[in-house]
Amino acid sequence: MILFQFLISSCANVRKTEYFADQNDAIIKSQNIAPSSSIQPNDILSIAVSSLNPNATSIFNTPNNSNINSGIATGINLQSTGYLVNNEGIIQFPVLGDIKVAGLTTNQLRLEIIKQLTDKKLLVDPVVMVRQLNFKVSVLGEVGHPMVVSVPSEKISLLEALGMAGDITIYGRKDNVMVIREENGEKRIKRLDLNSKELFSSPYYYLRSNDIIYVEANQSKVTNSSQATQLLPIILSGLSFLAIIIEVIVRRN
């Protein structure tokens, strides 16, 4: 069995364990840029307003506390200062009231708030900053440390997410990595080949908030697991039989 296992492992294709095996030295022009994620229900937004009149501005920066479940691992509810997008895709902003934000990017929302503040003559030359506080991606499967990765910068590539999760293990398939993305109420599944240089031009090179990356186990892991499952009862039976023989010999002596 050991000899057979050695022969199988020696025949493995080493190139399948490499990233971008077909990529030589080159300068690649970035054709894909980090996508602007649309705001979705249950997102938490940080909105900061400033102007030349601090007194008039202060009312728009009233802290808004939103309860969030931080722990995907702990299950503990924490309070985060930000605007929680409700199930209808609306936030309640001081003075301006209800604002429909679902489907907008953070930049589009920024421009909309500036427009309303200016049109209603509430502020002169306002400056607005909008950030998404709960931007995260999940990395599952055959990686060093499966985890949920928080992304304060709102920009992360697939390779960065895998690196933060401890990289793909020797038992993971690099040629069939799955990315699950939800857009407009639909879940889209894309399989990527990380052995190929085509990843650099893929629209999935940069991830969006709530993307899920899943790395499948390769055939070697499946085979080893199956062999271990099959051999364990045989080994235990053999040890039990050996124990019986030893006990009989001891009694005779």
Protein backbone atom coordinates (compact mmCIF):
# COMPACT_ATOMS: atom_id res chain seq x y z
CA MET A 1 0.00 0.00 0.00
CA ILE A 2 2.88 2.40 0.87
CA LEU A 3 4.60 1.60 -2.45
CA PHE A 4 1.36 2.17 -4.36
CA GLN A 5 0.80 5.51 -2.62
CA PHE A 6 4.37 6.56 -3.47
CA LEU A 7 3.85 5.72 -7.13
CA ILE A 8 0.64 7.78 -7.25
CA SER A 9 2.24 10.82 -5.62
CA SER A 10 5.29 10.65 -7.93
CA CYS A 11 2.99 10.85 -10.97
CA ALA A 12 1.20 14.01 -9.74
CA ASN A 13 1.31 17.05 -11.98
CA VAL A 14 3.43 19.55 -10.09
CA ARG A 15 2.31 22.40 -12.35
CA LYS A 16 -1.19 22.14 -10.93
CA THR A 17 0.16 23.26 -7.55
CA GLU A 18 1.64 26.46 -9.00
CA TYR A 19 0.05 29.85 -9.48
CA PHE A 20 0.06 31.17 -13.09
CA ALA A 21 2.25 28.38 -14.47
CA ASP A 22 1.82 29.76 -18.01
CA GLN A 23 2.89 33.33 -17.13
CA ASN A 24 6.37 34.47 -18.17
CA ASP A 25 8.01 37.78 -17.28
CA ALA A 26 5.78 40.53 -18.61
CA ILE A 27 4.20 43.92 -17.99
CA ILE A 28 0.44 43.56 -17.81
CA LYS A 29 -1.77 46.60 -18.26
CA SER A 30 -4.59 46.65 -15.75
CA GLN A 31 -7.78 46.16 -17.74
CA ASN A 32 -9.86 45.49 -14.66
CA ILE A 33 -10.24 47.96 -11.83
CA ALA A 34 -11.61 47.39 -8.38
CA PRO A 35 -15.40 47.34 -8.81
CA SER A 36 -17.61 49.75 -6.92
CA SER A 37 -19.94 47.60 -4.86
CA SER A 38 -23.58 48.62 -4.78
CA ILE A 39 -25.07 49.32 -1.38
CA GLN A 40 -27.33 46.50 -0.21
CA PRO A 41 -29.86 46.09 2.62
CA ASN A 42 -28.18 45.41 5.98
CA ASP A 43 -25.02 47.30 4.95
CA ILE A 44 -23.65 49.74 7.52
CA LEU A 45 -22.51 53.12 6.20
CA SER A 46 -20.31 55.79 7.72
CA ILE A 47 -21.35 59.26 6.50
CA ALA A 48 -19.32 62.32 7.52
CA VAL A 49 -20.31 65.86 6.51
CA SER A 50 -18.15 68.99 6.78
CA SER A 51 -18.34 72.59 5.61
CA LEU A 52 -17.03 76.08 6.37
CA ASN A 53 -19.70 76.41 9.09
CA PRO A 54 -18.98 73.80 11.80
CA ASN A 55 -22.05 74.76 13.82
CA ALA A 56 -24.40 74.18 10.89
CA THR A 57 -22.60 70.94 10.04
CA SER A 58 -22.71 69.32 13.48
CA ILE A 59 -26.34 68.22 13.21
CA PHE A 60 -25.48 66.05 10.18
CA ASN A 61 -22.80 64.17 12.11
CA THR A 62 -24.99 62.97 14.94
CA PRO A 63 -23.79 59.45 15.89
CA ASN A 64 -26.08 56.75 14.61
CA ASN A 65 -25.61 53.43 16.42
CA SER A 66 -26.45 50.21 14.59
CA ASN A 67 -26.49 46.77 16.16
CA ILE A 68 -24.39 44.30 14.16
CA ASN A 69 -23.58 40.64 14.69
CA SER A 70 -19.79 40.67 14.81
CA GLY A 71 -19.14 37.24 15.15
CA ILE A 72 -19.51 35.03 12.71
CA ALA A 73 -17.33 33.12 15.22
CA THR A 74 -18.51 34.53 18.55
CA GLY A 75 -22.17 35.35 17.93
CA ILE A 76 -21.83 38.53 20.03
CA ASN A 77 -23.87 41.60 19.16
CA LEU A 78 -21.87 44.84 19.09
CA GLN A 79 -22.81 48.43 18.42
CA SER A 80 -21.21 50.17 15.48
CA THR A 81 -21.52 53.86 14.72
CA GLY A 82 -23.07 54.06 11.28
CA TYR A 83 -26.28 54.06 9.28
CA LEU A 84 -27.92 50.65 8.90
CA VAL A 85 -29.62 50.16 5.53
CA ASN A 86 -33.04 48.66 6.24
CA ASN A 87 -34.75 45.91 4.26
CA GLU A 88 -36.28 48.50 1.90
CA GLY A 89 -32.81 49.88 1.13
CA ILE A 90 -33.40 53.14 3.03
CA ILE A 91 -31.44 55.06 5.67
CA GLN A 92 -32.71 57.86 7.89
CA PHE A 93 -30.36 60.83 7.61
CA PRO A 94 -30.62 63.91 9.88
CA VAL A 95 -32.76 66.71 8.44
CA LEU A 96 -32.90 65.09 4.98
CA GLY A 97 -35.01 62.21 6.28
CA ASP A 98 -35.34 58.93 4.35
CA ILE A 99 -32.84 58.40 1.56
CA LYS A 100 -33.07 55.45 -0.84
CA VAL A 101 -29.51 54.12 -0.98
CA ALA A 102 -29.81 50.49 -2.14
CA GLY A 103 -28.32 50.00 -5.59
CA LEU A 104 -26.14 53.11 -5.34
CA THR A 105 -22.37 53.09 -4.98
CA THR A 106 -20.85 54.98 -2.08
CA ASN A 107 -19.72 57.70 -4.50
CA GLN A 108 -23.21 58.05 -5.98
CA LEU A 109 -24.65 58.36 -2.49
CA ARG A 110 -22.03 60.99 -1.64
CA LEU A 111 -23.05 63.07 -4.66
CA GLU A 112 -26.76 62.67 -3.84
CA ILE A 113 -26.30 63.93 -0.27
CA ILE A 114 -24.24 66.90 -1.50
CA LYS A 115 -26.98 67.73 -4.03
CA GLN A 116 -29.75 67.62 -1.42
CA LEU A 117 -27.80 69.70 1.10
CA THR A 118 -27.05 72.29 -1.58
CA ASP A 119 -30.50 72.37 -3.21
CA LYS A 120 -32.20 72.82 0.15
CA LYS A 121 -29.64 75.50 1.09
CA LEU A 122 -28.75 73.70 4.29
CA LEU A 123 -24.99 74.03 3.75
CA VAL A 124 -22.66 75.94 1.46
CA ASP A 125 -20.04 73.88 -0.41
CA PRO A 126 -20.50 70.76 1.75
CA VAL A 127 -17.93 67.97 1.74
CA VAL A 128 -19.31 64.47 2.25
CA MET A 129 -17.46 61.21 2.82
CA VAL A 130 -19.24 57.83 2.61
CA ARG A 131 -17.66 54.50 3.56
CA GLN A 132 -19.00 50.99 3.94
CA LEU A 133 -18.13 49.69 7.41
CA ASN A 134 -19.03 46.02 6.94
CA PHE A 135 -17.12 45.29 3.69
CA LYS A 136 -16.03 41.67 4.04
CA VAL A 137 -15.32 38.49 2.06
CA SER A 138 -15.38 34.86 3.20
CA VAL A 139 -12.69 32.28 2.35
CA LEU A 140 -13.63 28.62 2.84
CA GLY A 141 -12.33 25.17 1.96
CA GLU A 142 -8.74 23.99 1.56
CA VAL A 143 -6.92 27.07 2.84
CA GLY A 144 -4.61 27.49 5.82
CA HIS A 145 -7.13 29.41 7.92
CA PRO A 146 -10.73 29.57 6.67
CA MET A 147 -12.02 32.95 7.77
CA VAL A 148 -14.09 36.06 7.15
CA VAL A 149 -11.80 38.87 5.98
CA SER A 150 -12.77 42.43 6.92
CA VAL A 151 -11.70 45.02 4.33
CA PRO A 152 -11.57 48.58 5.72
CA SER A 153 -10.13 49.92 2.42
CA GLU A 154 -13.09 48.47 0.44
CA LYS A 155 -10.62 47.04 -2.09
CA ILE A 156 -9.19 43.52 -2.10
CA SER A 157 -8.11 41.06 -4.78
CA LEU A 158 -8.72 37.33 -4.81
CA LEU A 159 -5.01 36.69 -4.24
CA GLU A 160 -4.92 39.02 -1.23
CA ALA A 161 -7.93 37.28 0.32
CA LEU A 162 -6.33 33.85 -0.15
CA GLY A 163 -3.07 35.14 1.32
CA MET A 164 -4.82 36.49 4.41
CA ALA A 165 -6.53 33.10 4.84
CA GLY A 166 -3.17 31.28 4.87
CA ASP A 167 -3.00 30.44 1.13
CA ILE A 168 -4.34 27.33 -0.59
CA THR A 169 -2.99 24.16 1.02
CA ILE A 170 -1.18 21.42 -0.90
CA TYR A 171 -4.51 19.57 -0.96
CA GLY A 172 -6.47 22.43 -2.56
CA ARG A 173 -7.31 22.75 -6.26
CA LYS A 174 -5.91 25.93 -7.76
CA ASP A 175 -7.47 25.19 -11.14
CA ASN A 176 -11.09 25.28 -9.95
CA VAL A 177 -11.56 27.99 -7.31
CA MET A 178 -15.19 29.01 -6.87
CA VAL A 179 -16.34 32.59 -6.28
CA ILE A 180 -19.96 33.12 -5.21
CA ARG A 181 -21.25 36.66 -5.73
CA GLU A 182 -24.72 38.07 -5.08
CA GLU A 183 -25.97 40.77 -7.45
CA ASN A 184 -29.49 42.14 -7.72
CA GLY A 185 -30.92 39.33 -5.64
CA GLU A 186 -29.20 36.63 -7.72
CA LYS A 187 -26.25 34.44 -6.71
CA ARG A 188 -23.67 34.11 -9.47
CA ILE A 189 -21.09 31.33 -9.36
CA LYS A 190 -17.80 31.64 -11.22
CA ARG A 191 -15.00 29.06 -11.33
CA LEU A 192 -11.47 30.38 -11.81
CA ASP A 193 -8.23 28.70 -12.85
CA LEU A 194 -5.38 30.13 -10.77
CA ASN A 195 -2.86 28.13 -12.82
CA SER A 196 -3.67 30.43 -15.74
CA LYS A 197 -2.63 34.02 -16.38
CA GLU A 198 -6.21 34.73 -17.50
CA LEU A 199 -7.05 35.59 -13.89
CA PHE A 200 -5.33 38.96 -14.29
CA SER A 201 -7.95 40.07 -16.82
CA SER A 202 -10.92 38.50 -15.05
CA PRO A 203 -13.66 40.73 -13.59
CA TYR A 204 -13.40 38.49 -10.53
CA TYR A 205 -9.76 39.42 -9.85
CA TYR A 206 -11.03 42.12 -7.50
CA LEU A 207 -13.68 40.99 -5.02
CA ARG A 208 -16.87 42.69 -3.93
CA SER A 209 -18.39 42.90 -0.50
CA ASN A 210 -19.91 39.60 0.72
CA ASP A 211 -18.15 37.53 -1.98
CA ILE A 212 -17.48 33.92 -0.93
CA ILE A 213 -14.36 32.06 -2.10
CA TYR A 214 -14.40 28.27 -1.90
CA VAL A 215 -11.34 26.08 -2.59
CA GLU A 216 -12.11 22.45 -3.39
CA ALA A 217 -10.02 19.52 -2.16
CA ASN A 218 -7.98 17.74 -4.83
CA GLN A 219 -8.14 14.05 -5.65
CA SER A 220 -5.11 13.31 -3.49
CA LYS A 221 -6.90 14.52 -0.34
CA VAL A 222 -10.04 12.57 -1.24
CA THR A 223 -8.01 9.41 -1.95
CA ASN A 224 -6.03 9.68 1.28
CA SER A 225 -9.19 10.24 3.30
CA SER A 226 -10.90 7.26 1.66
CA GLN A 227 -7.87 5.01 2.25
CA ALA A 228 -7.66 6.08 5.89
CA THR A 229 -11.36 5.33 6.36
CA GLN A 230 -10.94 1.88 4.80
CA LEU A 231 -7.68 0.97 6.56
CA LEU A 232 -8.67 2.03 10.08
CA PRO A 233 -11.14 -0.85 10.71
CA ILE A 234 -8.61 -3.34 9.30
CA ILE A 235 -5.85 -2.02 11.56
CA LEU A 236 -8.10 -2.06 14.62
CA SER A 237 -9.21 -5.63 13.83
CA GLY A 238 -5.58 -6.69 13.39
CA LEU A 239 -4.60 -5.18 16.72
CA SER A 240 -7.54 -6.87 18.44
CA PHE A 241 -6.56 -10.25 16.89
CA LEU A 242 -2.93 -9.72 17.98
CA ALA A 243 -4.05 -8.92 21.51
CA ILE A 244 -6.08 -12.14 21.64
CA ILE A 245 -3.09 -14.20 20.47
CA ILE A 246 -0.82 -12.60 23.06
CA GLU A 247 -3.39 -13.25 25.80
CA VAL A 248 -3.67 -16.94 24.80
CA ILE A 249 0.12 -17.36 24.82
CA VAL A 250 0.40 -15.72 28.23
CA ARG A 251 -2.28 -18.00 29.71
CA ARG A 252 -0.54 -21.13 28.36
CA ASN A 253 2.73 -20.09 29.94
